[in-house]
Amino acid sequence: MKILDRYILKSFLITFTSVFVILFFIFVLQGIWLFISELAGKNLDFMVIIKFLVFYSPKIVPLVLPLSILLASIMTFGSFAENYEFAAMKSAGISLGRAMKALTVFIFLLSFAAFFFANNVIPKAEYKFINLRKDILQTKPAMAIAEGQFNTIGNSNIKVDKKSGENGELLEGVTMHVKSNQGFGNKTVIKAKSGELKSEEGSNILKLDLIDGYYYEDIYPKKYEEQHKMPFAKANFKKYRINIDLTNLNKSEQAGEIVNTNTMLNVNELNFTIDSLQTSFNKDVVSFTENISQGIEFGLKPKPVNNPGKFKSAEDILASLTIEEKNRVYESALNNISSTDFSIQTNKNDLFEKQKNINKHWIALHEKFVVAFSCLLMFFIGAPLGAIIRKGGLGLPIVFAVLIFITFHFINTFGKKVAQENGMPPFLGTWLSSFILTPLAVSLTYRATNDIGVMVNFDWITEPFQKLVNKIFNNNNEAEINDNDN
């Protein structure tokens, strides 16, 4: 390796390491803030908290790594251009492309390492993270519930007024909202004066015994004409046990967003799971279609009539019926339509949730490749941009880096959200930000390597601020001089 390559690589690595450590620490603090309700005041051992943060940290890397590469590239190459080191290289016959050669090889290797990390380390860390949270809840079940607020656990929202006992397992003033599996909101409400949380070692079930309370449940009638009556069931109880499946923690992430085991699988496992889920989904679609078709045919199947030859159409049959018979026919038809519509909506919601699950697995699969590509993308945006703006340090480079990365992250989040809701193919949703910013990377690299726009001066952005700061300092100095004279 030549002296120049070592110098450029060393300069980049020093900046990159510093930026990565700082950003990583900031995002870890953000994670602590997100999980503060689960960690604070729980009498957890110090080593448990350390494990909690260690298992959480790997999922931060795909977010921190591209931003660190982008900022380090802009700062390094901006400093070279600002100190006229690129001008010296050019006078020696060394182009910008040649100066980037060693770093390009390094970034390619770093991209492969990022893919390996996303494919192997993050799934295992996520698995251990979820199981650690489950183990904490088993040893300290009251940790799952905070006082005075609704806590989402699995398919229920639980609120308690007060906790007591050695581990906070004794509850007072319990309110539960149980969500419907069919997408109709909270169908069941349970209120109890007191309760007790129990758990057994090695079990995934958290037992909640409610004492002296009431049970309310909304009933969704199958007949359309009865829906406006809003029927419900009510019962009181002395003791009522609810089993909470702790494996539902796999469906709760720090921001409340529902995820599945897709975050704990590598590429091979994701491919196998997607194939199984898609096969099951296709079978469900065929089964649902056949059931609806058979139900419609059964509901529309006409009853035998006398002298069918004299009736030429359905209007003739209706004309031969009395008013009471017509009303019964209309009522039967409405009931069949309402039942069929209810079945269609229920199955539609079920199929939509299954499709979302498939989309999540596809997104998780593509994300592993996007992480690797984003490293290359950010380098080929940051390096030529730093050479063009000719500004190093922590001023203008941070502004450009933050703007570019926010744009990348926003488009990436938006695309994945739309793809998850089946608004676009998962491939397009996951790669959308890369597709949009790749032309920018190509354009900047072309302009920088061909000396197009390398001499563009961005002093017109920073100069007004510098003048304002100098003016303020000059006024302060003049005021101090006048005070001393007096």
Protein backbone atom coordinates (compact mmCIF):
# COMPACT_ATOMS: atom_id res chain seq x y z
CA MET A 1 0.00 0.00 0.00
CA LYS A 2 1.37 3.38 -0.97
CA ILE A 3 2.00 6.17 1.49
CA LEU A 4 -0.89 8.24 0.06
CA ASP A 5 -3.38 5.38 0.46
CA ARG A 6 -2.27 4.81 4.05
CA TYR A 7 -2.59 8.51 4.80
CA ILE A 8 -6.11 8.80 3.34
CA LEU A 9 -7.25 5.56 4.98
CA LYS A 10 -5.83 6.60 8.35
CA SER A 11 -7.48 10.02 8.19
CA PHE A 12 -10.83 8.45 7.31
CA LEU A 13 -10.63 5.72 9.99
CA ILE A 14 -9.83 8.22 12.77
CA THR A 15 -12.81 10.38 11.81
CA PHE A 16 -15.10 7.40 11.18
CA THR A 17 -14.29 5.75 14.53
CA SER A 18 -14.88 8.96 16.46
CA VAL A 19 -18.18 9.68 14.72
CA PHE A 20 -19.39 6.08 15.04
CA VAL A 21 -18.68 5.92 18.78
CA ILE A 22 -20.42 9.24 19.44
CA LEU A 23 -23.50 8.40 17.36
CA PHE A 24 -23.67 4.89 18.78
CA PHE A 25 -23.60 6.27 22.31
CA ILE A 26 -26.36 8.76 21.46
CA PHE A 27 -28.61 6.06 20.01
CA VAL A 28 -27.97 3.79 22.99
CA LEU A 29 -29.10 6.61 25.27
CA GLN A 30 -32.21 6.90 23.13
CA GLY A 31 -32.82 3.19 23.67
CA ILE A 32 -32.45 3.64 27.42
CA TRP A 33 -35.02 6.42 27.27
CA LEU A 34 -37.44 4.23 25.33
CA PHE A 35 -37.11 1.39 27.85
CA ILE A 36 -36.85 3.55 30.97
CA SER A 37 -40.29 2.36 32.14
CA GLU A 38 -39.07 -1.24 32.03
CA LEU A 39 -35.74 -0.59 33.75
CA ALA A 40 -36.33 2.13 36.33
CA GLY A 41 -37.51 1.17 39.80
CA LYS A 42 -37.56 -2.59 39.13
CA ASN A 43 -34.69 -3.58 41.49
CA LEU A 44 -32.85 -5.20 38.59
CA ASP A 45 -29.28 -6.35 38.93
CA PHE A 46 -26.60 -4.25 37.24
CA MET A 47 -25.57 -7.19 35.04
CA VAL A 48 -29.17 -7.64 33.87
CA ILE A 49 -29.26 -4.01 32.75
CA ILE A 50 -25.92 -4.43 30.98
CA LYS A 51 -27.22 -7.53 29.16
CA PHE A 52 -30.37 -5.62 28.28
CA LEU A 53 -28.34 -2.87 26.59
CA VAL A 54 -25.86 -5.28 24.96
CA PHE A 55 -28.66 -7.29 23.33
CA TYR A 56 -30.44 -4.10 22.28
CA SER A 57 -27.35 -2.40 20.81
CA PRO A 58 -26.85 -4.49 17.62
CA LYS A 59 -30.13 -3.29 16.10
CA ILE A 60 -28.75 0.26 16.28
CA VAL A 61 -25.79 -0.52 13.99
CA PRO A 62 -27.76 -0.47 10.67
CA LEU A 63 -28.86 3.04 11.56
CA VAL A 64 -25.56 4.39 12.87
CA LEU A 65 -23.17 2.82 10.34
CA PRO A 66 -24.40 4.55 7.13
CA LEU A 67 -24.67 7.91 8.92
CA SER A 68 -21.13 7.54 10.28
CA ILE A 69 -19.77 6.70 6.82
CA LEU A 70 -21.56 9.68 5.29
CA LEU A 71 -20.38 12.18 7.90
CA ALA A 72 -16.82 10.81 8.03
CA SER A 73 -16.55 10.92 4.22
CA ILE A 74 -17.73 14.53 4.01
CA MET A 75 -15.44 15.62 6.85
CA THR A 76 -12.36 13.77 5.56
CA PHE A 77 -12.56 14.78 1.90
CA GLY A 78 -13.84 18.24 2.80
CA SER A 79 -10.76 18.73 4.96
CA PHE A 80 -8.49 17.53 2.14
CA ALA A 81 -10.06 20.03 -0.26
CA GLU A 82 -10.11 22.87 2.28
CA ASN A 83 -6.39 22.41 3.06
CA TYR A 84 -5.54 22.20 -0.67
CA GLU A 85 -4.29 18.63 -0.31
CA PHE A 86 -6.35 17.64 -3.34
CA ALA A 87 -4.72 20.44 -5.29
CA ALA A 88 -1.31 19.02 -4.37
CA MET A 89 -2.44 15.54 -5.42
CA LYS A 90 -3.72 16.89 -8.72
CA SER A 91 -0.44 18.70 -9.40
CA ALA A 92 1.30 15.35 -8.83
CA GLY A 93 -1.00 13.70 -11.40
CA ILE A 94 -3.23 11.94 -8.84
CA SER A 95 -6.95 12.26 -9.59
CA LEU A 96 -9.78 12.19 -7.05
CA GLY A 97 -10.79 8.76 -8.31
CA ARG A 98 -7.33 7.42 -7.60
CA ALA A 99 -7.36 9.03 -4.14
CA MET A 100 -10.65 7.28 -3.38
CA LYS A 101 -9.41 3.88 -4.54
CA ALA A 102 -8.15 2.53 -1.21
CA LEU A 103 -11.17 3.82 0.66
CA THR A 104 -13.50 2.29 -1.92
CA VAL A 105 -11.98 -1.13 -1.30
CA PHE A 106 -12.33 -0.60 2.44
CA ILE A 107 -15.99 0.45 2.13
CA PHE A 108 -16.73 -2.64 0.01
CA LEU A 109 -15.25 -4.83 2.74
CA LEU A 110 -17.21 -2.89 5.36
CA SER A 111 -20.41 -3.47 3.36
CA PHE A 112 -19.84 -7.23 3.37
CA ALA A 113 -19.19 -7.05 7.12
CA ALA A 114 -22.42 -5.07 7.57
CA PHE A 115 -24.39 -7.73 5.69
CA PHE A 116 -22.82 -10.50 7.80
CA PHE A 117 -23.63 -8.54 10.95
CA ALA A 118 -27.24 -7.94 9.88
CA ASN A 119 -27.69 -11.58 8.82
CA ASN A 120 -26.09 -13.32 11.79
CA VAL A 121 -25.48 -11.07 14.78
CA ILE A 122 -28.67 -8.97 14.85
CA PRO A 123 -31.11 -11.95 14.67
CA LYS A 124 -29.34 -13.72 17.55
CA ALA A 125 -29.20 -10.53 19.61
CA GLU A 126 -32.89 -9.90 18.95
CA TYR A 127 -33.73 -13.45 20.05
CA LYS A 128 -31.75 -13.03 23.28
CA PHE A 129 -33.24 -9.57 23.83
CA ILE A 130 -36.82 -10.86 23.59
CA ASN A 131 -36.07 -13.83 25.84
CA LEU A 132 -34.34 -11.61 28.39
CA ARG A 133 -37.45 -9.44 28.62
CA LYS A 134 -39.53 -12.59 29.03
CA ASP A 135 -37.23 -13.90 31.76
CA ILE A 136 -37.43 -10.59 33.60
CA LEU A 137 -41.22 -10.74 33.49
CA GLN A 138 -41.17 -14.30 34.80
CA THR A 139 -38.99 -13.41 37.77
CA LYS A 140 -40.65 -10.00 38.30
CA PRO A 141 -44.10 -10.31 36.70
CA ALA A 142 -45.22 -6.90 37.93
CA MET A 143 -42.63 -5.34 35.61
CA ALA A 144 -45.06 -5.89 32.77
CA ILE A 145 -47.48 -3.38 34.28
CA ALA A 146 -46.80 0.21 35.35
CA GLU A 147 -49.10 2.10 37.68
CA GLY A 148 -51.61 4.64 36.42
CA GLN A 149 -51.27 3.92 32.69
CA PHE A 150 -52.43 1.37 30.14
CA ASN A 151 -49.84 -1.29 29.36
CA THR A 152 -50.11 -3.32 26.16
CA ILE A 153 -49.41 -7.01 26.71
CA GLY A 154 -50.32 -9.31 23.87
CA ASN A 155 -53.97 -8.81 22.99
CA SER A 156 -54.87 -6.77 26.10
CA ASN A 157 -54.41 -3.30 27.58
CA ILE A 158 -54.07 -3.38 31.38
CA LYS A 159 -54.17 -0.50 33.84
CA VAL A 160 -53.78 -0.66 37.64
CA ASP A 161 -54.18 2.10 40.21
CA LYS A 162 -51.64 0.74 42.70
CA LYS A 163 -49.16 -2.10 43.12
CA SER A 164 -47.86 -3.60 46.34
CA GLY A 165 -46.14 -6.74 47.62
CA GLU A 166 -42.48 -7.76 47.58
CA ASN A 167 -42.31 -7.77 43.76
CA GLY A 168 -45.35 -5.60 43.08
CA GLU A 169 -47.50 -8.64 42.32
CA LEU A 170 -50.53 -7.39 44.32
CA LEU A 171 -52.72 -5.07 42.25
CA GLU A 172 -55.52 -2.67 43.14
CA GLY A 173 -58.07 -1.09 40.79
CA VAL A 174 -57.53 -3.25 37.69
CA THR A 175 -59.00 -2.29 34.31
CA MET A 176 -58.51 -4.46 31.21
CA HIS A 177 -59.45 -3.88 27.56
CA VAL A 178 -59.26 -7.04 25.47
CA LYS A 179 -58.90 -6.39 21.74
CA SER A 180 -60.97 -8.20 19.15
CA ASN A 181 -59.22 -10.59 16.77
CA GLN A 182 -61.55 -9.47 14.00
CA GLY A 183 -60.56 -5.82 13.92
CA PHE A 184 -63.63 -4.34 15.67
CA GLY A 185 -61.76 -2.60 18.48
CA ASN A 186 -62.05 -3.42 22.17
CA LYS A 187 -64.91 -5.89 22.56
CA THR A 188 -64.31 -6.87 26.19
CA VAL A 189 -63.81 -4.71 29.29
CA ILE A 190 -62.96 -6.20 32.69
CA LYS A 191 -62.88 -4.20 35.93
CA ALA A 192 -61.82 -5.65 39.28
CA LYS A 193 -61.14 -4.24 42.74
CA SER A 194 -57.92 -6.22 43.15
CA GLY A 195 -55.72 -8.81 41.51
CA GLU A 196 -52.55 -10.85 41.83
CA LEU A 197 -49.85 -11.72 39.31
CA LYS A 198 -48.34 -15.21 39.42
CA SER A 199 -45.67 -16.88 37.31
CA GLU A 200 -43.84 -20.20 37.25
CA GLU A 201 -40.21 -20.73 36.30
CA GLY A 202 -39.84 -22.16 32.82
CA SER A 203 -43.42 -21.27 31.84
CA ASN A 204 -44.45 -18.80 29.13
CA ILE A 205 -47.75 -18.13 30.90
CA LEU A 206 -48.26 -15.20 33.26
CA LYS A 207 -51.34 -15.78 35.47
CA LEU A 208 -53.51 -12.85 36.55
CA ASP A 209 -56.11 -13.61 39.22
CA LEU A 210 -58.78 -10.88 39.42
CA ILE A 211 -60.90 -10.56 42.57
CA ASP A 212 -64.42 -9.07 42.89
CA GLY A 213 -65.16 -7.45 39.58
CA TYR A 214 -67.33 -7.15 36.47
CA TYR A 215 -67.03 -8.46 32.93
CA TYR A 216 -68.51 -6.59 29.94
CA GLU A 217 -68.49 -7.90 26.37
CA ASP A 218 -69.91 -6.37 23.21
CA ILE A 219 -71.73 -8.86 21.02
CA TYR A 220 -71.55 -8.42 17.25
CA PRO A 221 -74.79 -9.91 15.85
CA LYS A 222 -74.74 -11.77 12.56
CA LYS A 223 -78.05 -10.25 11.48
CA TYR A 224 -77.64 -6.79 10.03
CA GLU A 225 -80.96 -5.44 11.36
CA GLU A 226 -79.90 -6.26 14.95
CA GLN A 227 -76.57 -4.43 14.87
CA HIS A 228 -78.10 -1.05 15.76
CA LYS A 229 -79.31 -2.50 19.08
CA MET A 230 -75.65 -2.82 20.23
CA PRO A 231 -76.17 -5.88 22.44
CA PHE A 232 -73.67 -6.74 25.15
CA ALA A 233 -73.18 -9.26 27.93
CA LYS A 234 -72.47 -8.40 31.56
CA ALA A 235 -71.43 -10.63 34.45
CA ASN A 236 -69.90 -10.23 37.90
CA PHE A 237 -67.35 -12.54 39.46
CA LYS A 238 -65.63 -13.20 42.77
CA LYS A 239 -62.47 -14.61 41.16
CA TYR A 240 -61.46 -14.68 37.50
CA ARG A 241 -58.15 -16.02 36.14
CA ILE A 242 -56.58 -14.72 32.94
CA ASN A 243 -53.56 -16.39 31.36
CA ILE A 244 -51.21 -13.99 29.55
CA ASP A 245 -48.88 -15.54 27.00
CA LEU A 246 -45.43 -13.98 27.44
CA THR A 247 -44.45 -15.04 23.93
CA ASN A 248 -46.60 -12.12 22.82
CA LEU A 249 -43.65 -9.95 23.80
CA ASN A 250 -42.31 -10.91 20.37
CA LYS A 251 -45.06 -8.65 19.05
CA SER A 252 -44.15 -5.59 21.04
CA GLU A 253 -41.22 -3.36 20.30
CA GLN A 254 -39.98 -0.26 22.05
CA ALA A 255 -42.12 2.15 20.06
CA GLY A 256 -45.27 0.04 20.26
CA GLU A 257 -45.02 -1.07 16.65
CA ILE A 258 -46.15 -4.66 16.04
CA VAL A 259 -43.47 -6.95 14.66
CA ASN A 260 -43.04 -10.68 14.36
CA THR A 261 -40.18 -13.16 14.51
CA ASN A 262 -38.92 -11.80 11.19
CA THR A 263 -36.31 -9.78 13.08
CA MET A 264 -34.86 -13.00 14.57
CA LEU A 265 -34.27 -14.85 11.29
CA ASN A 266 -31.36 -14.89 8.84
CA VAL A 267 -31.70 -14.97 5.05
CA ASN A 268 -32.07 -18.76 4.72
CA GLU A 269 -34.62 -18.91 7.51
CA LEU A 270 -36.54 -15.98 6.05
CA ASN A 271 -36.70 -17.62 2.62
CA PHE A 272 -38.03 -20.83 4.16
CA THR A 273 -40.55 -18.98 6.34
CA ILE A 274 -41.77 -16.80 3.47
CA ASP A 275 -42.32 -19.86 1.29
CA SER A 276 -44.33 -21.55 4.07
CA LEU A 277 -46.38 -18.45 4.80
CA GLN A 278 -47.11 -17.83 1.11
CA THR A 279 -48.20 -21.43 0.59
CA SER A 280 -50.51 -21.24 3.60
CA PHE A 281 -51.87 -17.89 2.41
CA ASN A 282 -52.66 -19.24 -1.06
CA LYS A 283 -54.50 -22.21 0.46
CA ASP A 284 -56.52 -19.86 2.67
CA VAL A 285 -57.49 -17.72 -0.34
CA VAL A 286 -58.68 -20.78 -2.29
CA SER A 287 -60.56 -22.13 0.72
CA PHE A 288 -62.19 -18.76 1.42
CA THR A 289 -63.24 -18.37 -2.22
CA GLU A 290 -64.76 -21.83 -2.34
CA ASN A 291 -66.64 -21.31 0.94
CA ILE A 292 -68.07 -17.98 -0.19
CA SER A 293 -69.09 -19.41 -3.57
CA GLN A 294 -70.79 -22.38 -1.94
CA GLY A 295 -72.53 -20.13 0.57
CA ILE A 296 -73.84 -17.84 -2.16
CA GLU A 297 -75.01 -20.77 -4.25
CA PHE A 298 -76.75 -22.29 -1.21
CA GLY A 299 -78.37 -18.99 -0.26
CA LEU A 300 -79.58 -18.31 -3.80
CA LYS A 301 -80.72 -21.85 -4.52
CA PRO A 302 -84.49 -21.53 -5.33
CA LYS A 303 -87.04 -23.68 -3.64
CA PRO A 304 -89.16 -25.92 -5.89
CA VAL A 305 -92.45 -24.40 -7.02
CA ASN A 306 -95.61 -25.86 -8.50
CA ASN A 307 -95.95 -25.69 -12.28
CA PRO A 308 -92.53 -24.19 -12.90
CA GLY A 309 -93.33 -24.01 -16.60
CA LYS A 310 -95.73 -21.11 -16.20
CA PHE A 311 -93.04 -18.86 -14.65
CA LYS A 312 -90.73 -17.27 -17.20
CA SER A 313 -88.71 -15.05 -14.82
CA ALA A 314 -88.11 -14.18 -11.16
CA GLU A 315 -90.59 -11.32 -11.47
CA ASP A 316 -93.30 -13.82 -12.39
CA ILE A 317 -92.50 -15.89 -9.30
CA LEU A 318 -92.63 -12.83 -7.03
CA ALA A 319 -95.89 -11.70 -8.62
CA SER A 320 -97.49 -15.00 -7.67
CA LEU A 321 -96.60 -14.62 -3.98
CA THR A 322 -98.58 -12.91 -1.29
CA ILE A 323 -97.28 -9.86 0.58
CA GLU A 324 -96.30 -11.96 3.61
CA GLU A 325 -94.45 -14.45 1.39
CA LYS A 326 -92.67 -11.60 -0.38
CA ASN A 327 -91.59 -10.12 2.99
CA ARG A 328 -90.23 -13.49 4.05
CA VAL A 329 -88.31 -13.78 0.76
CA TYR A 330 -86.84 -10.28 1.14
CA GLU A 331 -85.94 -10.92 4.79
CA SER A 332 -84.25 -14.19 3.89
CA ALA A 333 -82.31 -12.48 1.10
CA LEU A 334 -81.17 -9.66 3.43
CA ASN A 335 -80.07 -12.16 6.05
CA ASN A 336 -78.07 -14.10 3.46
CA ILE A 337 -76.44 -10.92 2.17
CA SER A 338 -75.62 -9.71 5.71
CA SER A 339 -74.15 -13.09 6.67
CA THR A 340 -72.11 -13.24 3.48
CA ASP A 341 -70.88 -9.66 3.93
CA PHE A 342 -69.86 -10.37 7.54
CA SER A 343 -67.99 -13.49 6.44
CA ILE A 344 -66.24 -11.59 3.65
CA GLN A 345 -65.15 -8.75 5.95
CA THR A 346 -63.92 -11.16 8.62
CA ASN A 347 -61.93 -13.25 6.17
CA LYS A 348 -60.69 -10.14 4.39
CA ASN A 349 -59.24 -8.76 7.64
CA ASP A 350 -57.70 -12.15 8.42
CA LEU A 351 -56.11 -12.43 4.98
CA PHE A 352 -54.88 -8.84 5.18
CA GLU A 353 -53.11 -9.52 8.48
CA LYS A 354 -51.51 -12.64 7.01
CA GLN A 355 -50.37 -10.66 3.96
CA LYS A 356 -48.89 -8.01 6.25
CA ASN A 357 -46.97 -10.74 8.06
CA ILE A 358 -45.59 -12.00 4.75
CA ASN A 359 -44.66 -8.44 3.74
CA LYS A 360 -42.81 -7.95 7.05
CA HIS A 361 -40.70 -11.02 6.37
CA TRP A 362 -39.93 -9.81 2.83
CA ILE A 363 -38.94 -6.40 4.22
CA ALA A 364 -36.69 -8.03 6.81
CA LEU A 365 -35.04 -10.04 4.03
CA HIS A 366 -34.37 -7.03 1.80
CA GLU A 367 -33.21 -4.88 4.74
CA LYS A 368 -30.16 -7.07 5.20
CA PHE A 369 -29.01 -6.20 1.68
CA VAL A 370 -30.06 -2.56 1.97
CA VAL A 371 -27.78 -2.14 4.99
CA ALA A 372 -24.78 -3.26 2.92
CA PHE A 373 -25.72 -1.13 -0.09
CA SER A 374 -26.39 1.95 2.06
CA CYS A 375 -22.74 1.90 3.22
CA LEU A 376 -21.58 2.17 -0.39
CA LEU A 377 -24.27 4.73 -1.21
CA MET A 378 -23.37 7.02 1.68
CA PHE A 379 -19.66 6.86 0.83
CA PHE A 380 -20.20 7.77 -2.82
CA ILE A 381 -22.40 10.67 -1.71
CA GLY A 382 -20.19 11.88 1.13
CA ALA A 383 -16.73 11.64 -0.42
CA PRO A 384 -17.40 13.64 -3.61
CA LEU A 385 -19.66 16.05 -1.71
CA GLY A 386 -16.85 16.81 0.73
CA ALA A 387 -14.49 17.47 -2.18
CA ILE A 388 -17.05 19.80 -3.77
CA ILE A 389 -18.04 21.89 -0.72
CA ARG A 390 -14.40 22.11 0.44
CA LYS A 391 -15.38 22.28 4.09
CA GLY A 392 -14.08 19.99 6.82
CA GLY A 393 -14.63 19.96 10.55
CA LEU A 394 -18.00 19.88 12.29
CA GLY A 395 -19.80 22.78 10.64
CA LEU A 396 -21.22 22.52 7.14
CA PRO A 397 -20.48 18.77 6.81
CA ILE A 398 -22.86 17.98 9.67
CA VAL A 399 -25.60 20.05 8.06
CA PHE A 400 -25.29 18.19 4.75
CA ALA A 401 -24.91 14.80 6.44
CA VAL A 402 -28.00 15.28 8.59
CA LEU A 403 -30.13 16.54 5.69
CA ILE A 404 -29.11 13.68 3.42
CA PHE A 405 -29.51 11.01 6.06
CA ILE A 406 -32.86 12.33 7.27
CA THR A 407 -34.06 12.22 3.67
CA PHE A 408 -32.75 8.67 3.29
CA HIS A 409 -34.23 7.50 6.59
CA PHE A 410 -37.61 9.19 6.00
CA ILE A 411 -38.02 7.68 2.53
CA ASN A 412 -36.87 4.31 3.85
CA THR A 413 -39.36 4.38 6.74
CA PHE A 414 -42.18 5.60 4.50
CA GLY A 415 -41.49 2.94 1.87
CA LYS A 416 -41.39 0.10 4.40
CA LYS A 417 -44.60 1.29 6.06
CA VAL A 418 -46.46 1.47 2.74
CA ALA A 419 -45.05 -1.90 1.67
CA GLN A 420 -46.06 -3.46 4.99
CA GLU A 421 -49.64 -2.27 4.42
CA ASN A 422 -49.50 -3.85 0.95
CA GLY A 423 -49.48 -0.45 -0.77
CA MET A 424 -46.43 -1.36 -2.86
CA PRO A 425 -44.22 -4.43 -3.36
CA PRO A 426 -41.88 -5.04 -0.38
CA PHE A 427 -38.86 -4.95 -2.71
CA LEU A 428 -39.73 -1.46 -3.95
CA GLY A 429 -40.66 -0.18 -0.49
CA THR A 430 -37.39 -1.35 1.06
CA TRP A 431 -35.14 -0.15 -1.78
CA LEU A 432 -37.05 3.07 -2.51
CA SER A 433 -34.63 5.37 -0.67
CA SER A 434 -31.65 3.71 -2.35
CA PHE A 435 -33.23 4.09 -5.80
CA ILE A 436 -33.90 7.79 -5.18
CA LEU A 437 -30.45 8.68 -3.80
CA THR A 438 -28.34 6.55 -6.16
CA PRO A 439 -28.60 9.12 -9.01
CA LEU A 440 -27.36 11.76 -6.55
CA ALA A 441 -24.35 9.60 -5.68
CA VAL A 442 -23.57 9.00 -9.36
CA SER A 443 -23.92 12.69 -10.20
CA LEU A 444 -21.73 13.88 -7.32
CA THR A 445 -19.06 11.27 -8.04
CA TYR A 446 -19.02 12.21 -11.73
CA ARG A 447 -18.77 15.94 -11.01
CA ALA A 448 -16.05 15.52 -8.39
CA THR A 449 -13.88 13.10 -10.37
CA ASN A 450 -14.14 15.23 -13.52
CA ASP A 451 -13.39 18.52 -11.70
CA ILE A 452 -16.90 19.80 -12.42
CA GLY A 453 -18.00 21.97 -9.58
CA VAL A 454 -15.05 21.11 -7.37
CA MET A 455 -14.32 24.82 -7.01
CA VAL A 456 -17.90 25.61 -5.97
CA ASN A 457 -17.66 27.82 -2.89
CA PHE A 458 -20.19 27.49 -0.11
CA ASP A 459 -18.95 30.51 1.78
CA TRP A 460 -22.18 32.30 0.82
CA ILE A 461 -23.93 29.99 3.28
CA THR A 462 -21.57 30.41 6.23
CA GLU A 463 -20.42 34.00 5.59
CA PRO A 464 -23.62 35.75 6.86
CA PHE A 465 -23.44 33.80 10.11
CA GLN A 466 -19.75 34.59 10.51
CA LYS A 467 -20.44 38.30 9.96
CA LEU A 468 -23.25 38.21 12.53
CA VAL A 469 -21.03 36.51 15.12
CA ASN A 470 -18.15 38.91 14.46
CA LYS A 471 -20.49 41.88 14.77
CA ILE A 472 -21.81 40.64 18.12
CA PHE A 473 -18.29 40.06 19.46
CA ASN A 474 -17.10 43.46 18.20
CA ASN A 475 -20.02 45.21 19.92
CA ASN A 476 -19.28 43.38 23.16
CA ASN A 477 -15.59 44.30 22.97
CA GLU A 478 -16.43 47.97 22.35
CA ALA A 479 -18.82 47.97 25.31
CA GLU A 480 -16.13 46.46 27.57
CA ILE A 481 -13.58 49.07 26.41
CA ASN A 482 -16.02 51.90 27.15
CA ASP A 483 -16.74 50.49 30.60
CA ASN A 484 -13.02 50.28 31.35
CA ASP A 485 -12.47 53.87 30.20
CA ASN A 486 -15.24 55.07 32.45
